Protein backbone atom coordinates (compact mmCIF):
# COMPACT_ATOMS: atom_id res chain seq x y z
CA MET A 1 80.19 6.16 -35.37
CA LEU A 2 76.86 4.68 -36.35
CA THR A 3 75.95 4.61 -40.02
CA GLY A 4 72.49 5.63 -41.31
CA ALA A 5 71.34 1.79 -41.65
CA GLN A 6 72.10 1.29 -37.74
CA ARG A 7 70.36 4.61 -36.98
CA ARG A 8 67.13 3.69 -38.55
CA GLY A 9 66.78 0.56 -36.32
CA GLY A 10 65.26 2.46 -33.16
CA PHE A 11 63.99 5.70 -31.59
CA THR A 12 65.65 8.39 -30.09
CA LEU A 13 65.31 9.68 -26.60
CA ILE A 14 63.54 12.79 -27.80
CA GLU A 15 61.13 10.77 -30.11
CA LEU A 16 60.08 8.46 -27.27
CA LEU A 17 59.35 11.42 -24.83
CA VAL A 18 57.24 13.19 -27.63
CA THR A 19 55.19 10.04 -28.01
CA ILE A 20 54.83 9.51 -24.25
CA THR A 21 53.74 13.04 -23.93
CA LEU A 22 51.27 12.81 -27.00
CA VAL A 23 49.78 9.53 -25.39
CA ALA A 24 49.48 11.28 -21.87
CA LEU A 25 47.64 14.29 -23.51
CA LEU A 26 45.35 12.08 -25.25
CA MET A 27 44.56 10.00 -21.98
CA MET A 28 43.92 13.26 -20.24
CA LEU A 29 41.49 14.44 -22.77
CA ALA A 30 39.83 11.02 -22.72
CA VAL A 31 39.08 10.54 -18.96
CA PRO A 32 36.45 13.10 -18.65
CA ALA A 33 34.60 11.94 -21.34
CA MET A 34 34.97 8.21 -20.11
CA GLY A 35 33.55 9.45 -16.64
CA SER A 36 30.47 10.69 -18.15
CA TRP A 37 30.03 7.68 -20.11
CA VAL A 38 30.26 5.56 -17.15
CA ALA A 39 27.80 7.64 -15.27
CA ASP A 40 25.36 7.62 -18.10
CA ALA A 41 25.70 3.69 -18.34
CA ARG A 42 24.82 3.32 -14.84
CA VAL A 43 21.73 5.41 -15.14
CA ARG A 44 20.65 3.38 -17.95
CA SER A 45 21.51 0.13 -16.11
CA THR A 46 19.51 1.33 -13.15
CA ALA A 47 16.49 2.39 -15.30
CA GLU A 48 16.39 -1.16 -16.92
CA SER A 49 16.59 -2.77 -13.61
CA LEU A 50 13.67 -0.69 -12.23
CA GLN A 51 11.70 -1.08 -15.36
CA SER A 52 12.00 -4.96 -15.00
CA ALA A 53 10.87 -4.76 -11.26
CA LEU A 54 7.82 -3.07 -12.40
CA HIS A 55 7.03 -5.63 -14.98
CA LEU A 56 7.64 -8.24 -12.41
CA ALA A 57 5.23 -6.43 -10.13
CA GLN A 58 2.52 -6.51 -12.80
CA SER A 59 3.07 -9.98 -13.93
CA THR A 60 2.97 -11.29 -10.46
CA ALA A 61 -0.28 -9.59 -9.90
CA VAL A 62 -1.75 -10.93 -12.86
CA THR A 63 -0.51 -14.65 -12.47
CA ARG A 64 -1.45 -14.72 -8.54
CA SER A 65 -4.77 -12.82 -8.99
CA ARG A 66 -4.11 -10.37 -6.19
CA SER A 67 -2.51 -6.96 -5.86
CA SER A 68 1.01 -6.32 -5.64
CA VAL A 69 3.34 -3.58 -4.84
CA LEU A 70 6.65 -1.98 -5.91
CA ALA A 71 8.14 0.27 -2.96
CA LEU A 72 10.85 2.56 -2.90
CA THR A 73 12.83 2.56 0.24
CA SER A 74 16.09 3.89 1.78
CA ALA A 75 16.35 0.66 4.00
CA ALA A 76 17.80 -2.61 2.89
CA PRO A 77 14.88 -4.35 0.69
CA ALA A 78 12.67 -6.65 2.67
CA TRP A 79 8.99 -7.59 3.12
CA ASN A 80 8.59 -5.14 5.95
CA ALA A 81 11.03 -2.25 4.92
CA VAL A 82 9.67 1.19 5.40
CA PRO A 83 8.40 2.84 2.17
CA ALA A 84 10.08 6.23 1.39
CA GLY A 85 9.68 8.59 -1.74
CA ASN A 86 12.82 9.06 -3.45
CA GLY A 87 14.45 5.91 -1.76
CA SER A 88 17.56 4.54 -3.18
CA ASN A 89 16.33 0.92 -3.03
CA TRP A 90 13.19 -0.92 -3.87
CA PHE A 91 11.32 -4.07 -3.45
CA VAL A 92 8.23 -5.93 -4.85
CA ARG A 93 5.84 -7.93 -2.86
CA LEU A 94 2.40 -8.99 -2.77
CA LEU A 95 -0.29 -7.29 -0.76
CA PRO A 96 -2.64 -9.10 1.98
CA LEU A 97 -6.14 -10.00 0.46
CA PRO A 98 -8.62 -7.73 1.44
CA ASP A 99 -11.30 -8.73 4.00
CA SER A 100 -9.62 -11.93 5.02
CA ASP A 101 -7.10 -12.98 7.74
CA ASP A 102 -4.14 -12.96 5.46
CA ALA A 103 -1.31 -11.27 6.54
CA ALA A 104 1.89 -10.05 5.07
CA GLY A 105 5.09 -11.89 5.76
CA THR A 106 8.12 -13.06 4.50
CA ASP A 107 6.50 -15.18 1.62
CA SER A 108 4.79 -11.94 0.25
CA PHE A 109 8.21 -10.73 -0.72
CA ILE A 110 8.96 -11.26 -4.40
CA GLN A 111 12.20 -9.33 -4.99
CA GLY A 112 14.58 -6.65 -3.81
CA ALA A 113 17.26 -4.39 -5.40
CA THR A 114 19.77 -2.12 -4.51
CA ALA A 115 21.28 -0.91 -7.92
CA ALA A 116 20.41 2.83 -7.40
CA SER A 117 22.51 3.09 -4.20
CA GLN A 118 25.16 0.72 -5.54
CA TYR A 119 25.72 2.96 -8.57
CA GLY A 120 25.10 6.45 -6.81
CA VAL A 121 22.03 6.97 -9.05
CA LYS A 122 19.58 9.38 -7.54
CA LEU A 123 16.07 8.02 -7.94
CA VAL A 124 13.17 10.38 -7.39
CA GLY A 125 9.55 8.89 -7.78
CA PRO A 126 6.48 7.70 -5.64
CA ALA A 127 7.02 5.72 -2.47
CA LEU A 128 4.53 2.97 -3.69
CA LEU A 129 2.82 1.90 -6.93
CA CYS A 130 0.21 -0.82 -6.44
CA PHE A 131 -0.99 -3.09 -9.30
CA ASN A 132 -4.35 -5.01 -9.70
CA SER A 133 -4.89 -8.31 -10.77
CA LEU A 134 -5.15 -6.77 -14.47
CA GLY A 135 -1.97 -5.40 -14.16
CA GLN A 136 -3.02 -1.91 -13.97
CA LEU A 137 -2.33 0.88 -11.52
CA SER A 138 -4.90 0.73 -8.60
CA THR A 139 -5.48 3.32 -5.56
CA LYS A 140 -4.93 1.63 -1.99
CA SER A 141 -5.11 3.47 1.25
CA ALA A 142 -2.12 3.10 3.71
CA SER A 143 -4.28 0.57 5.61
CA ALA A 144 -5.00 -1.47 2.64
CA THR A 145 -1.31 -1.83 1.71
CA GLY A 146 -0.26 -2.26 5.31
CA MET A 147 2.94 -0.29 4.77
CA SER A 148 1.87 3.34 6.45
CA ALA A 149 1.85 4.61 2.86
CA ALA A 150 -1.03 4.80 0.29
CA CYS A 151 -1.00 4.08 -3.66
CA SER A 152 -2.46 6.62 -6.02
CA ALA A 153 -3.62 5.73 -9.49
CA GLY A 154 -5.11 8.90 -10.84
CA ALA A 155 -2.26 9.75 -13.43
CA THR A 156 1.01 8.59 -14.98
CA ALA A 157 3.47 7.81 -12.32
CA GLU A 158 7.24 8.62 -13.15
CA TYR A 159 10.55 7.79 -11.68
CA THR A 160 13.44 9.97 -12.82
CA LEU A 161 16.91 8.96 -12.66
CA SER A 162 20.21 10.69 -12.88
CA ARG A 163 23.76 10.76 -11.68
CA SER A 164 26.30 13.19 -10.74
CA GLY A 165 29.13 13.44 -13.57
CA GLY A 166 26.64 12.03 -16.22
CA SER A 167 24.76 13.90 -18.99
CA ARG A 168 21.81 11.65 -19.27
CA GLN A 169 18.59 11.80 -17.09
CA LEU A 170 16.10 9.01 -17.76
CA LYS A 171 12.46 8.51 -16.68
CA VAL A 172 10.58 5.24 -16.14
CA ARG A 173 6.94 6.06 -16.57
CA VAL A 174 3.87 3.95 -15.66
CA GLU A 175 0.55 4.89 -17.27
CA PRO A 176 -2.74 4.12 -15.18
CA GLY A 177 -3.39 1.23 -17.71
CA GLY A 178 -0.17 -0.42 -16.75
CA LYS A 179 2.03 0.47 -19.55
CA VAL A 180 5.82 0.62 -18.46
CA ARG A 181 8.04 2.75 -20.59
CA MET A 182 11.52 4.19 -20.30
CA CYS A 183 12.46 7.39 -21.91
CA ASP A 184 15.10 10.08 -22.25
CA VAL A 185 14.28 13.33 -20.69
CA ALA A 186 16.48 15.29 -23.23
CA LYS A 187 14.59 14.19 -26.09
CA SER A 188 10.91 14.63 -27.15
CA LEU A 189 8.85 11.74 -28.27
CA SER A 190 8.55 11.89 -32.10
CA ASN A 191 8.77 9.51 -35.09
CA GLY A 192 12.34 10.63 -35.29
CA ASP A 193 13.22 10.00 -31.41
CA PRO A 194 11.16 7.26 -30.29
CA ASP A 195 12.98 7.00 -27.06
CA GLY A 196 11.92 10.45 -26.17
CA CYS A 197 9.71 11.47 -23.38
CA PRO A 198 6.30 12.83 -24.17
CA LYS A 199 5.65 16.46 -23.57
CA THR A 200 3.79 17.19 -20.37
């Protein structure tokens, strides 16, 4: 027969089963919250990548003193990829110089990304955004872009990003003057919520 001192040295089978059951219950409660957190993190990561690409398009236009474009596409990013509104990939490239025999080619390609399609993020926004040599949005006809789509600069352009299973929806906004900003749709821009989106 075991003494009291010997019994205190280990766990009984019942104690072990209760502990395993509690750990399993806690894990089951944590998994849905973890899935939502991962989805939200992927939306934010994609939004930051898109914001960086827009800044790159701006800075390229300014440093090279010629127009550049950020284009959404459903194809693999390349200088000659077909633009598509709400495409899941994007690329940045230079536009041909107007009134010249300059033609678009592989050397006009600056950068491409597939972050939205990789992370399963839904991206809604204009097919093309063009930037002039001052880093501002500019209007270009389809013939001027050479990409079968036109650029419009009349109002603030918005890209909306979301993912199934997530609770966060973000926007990347580009104002006509060139300011690029990411904001949270669930919040209204205020002193208390500087990351919120302005009311439209």
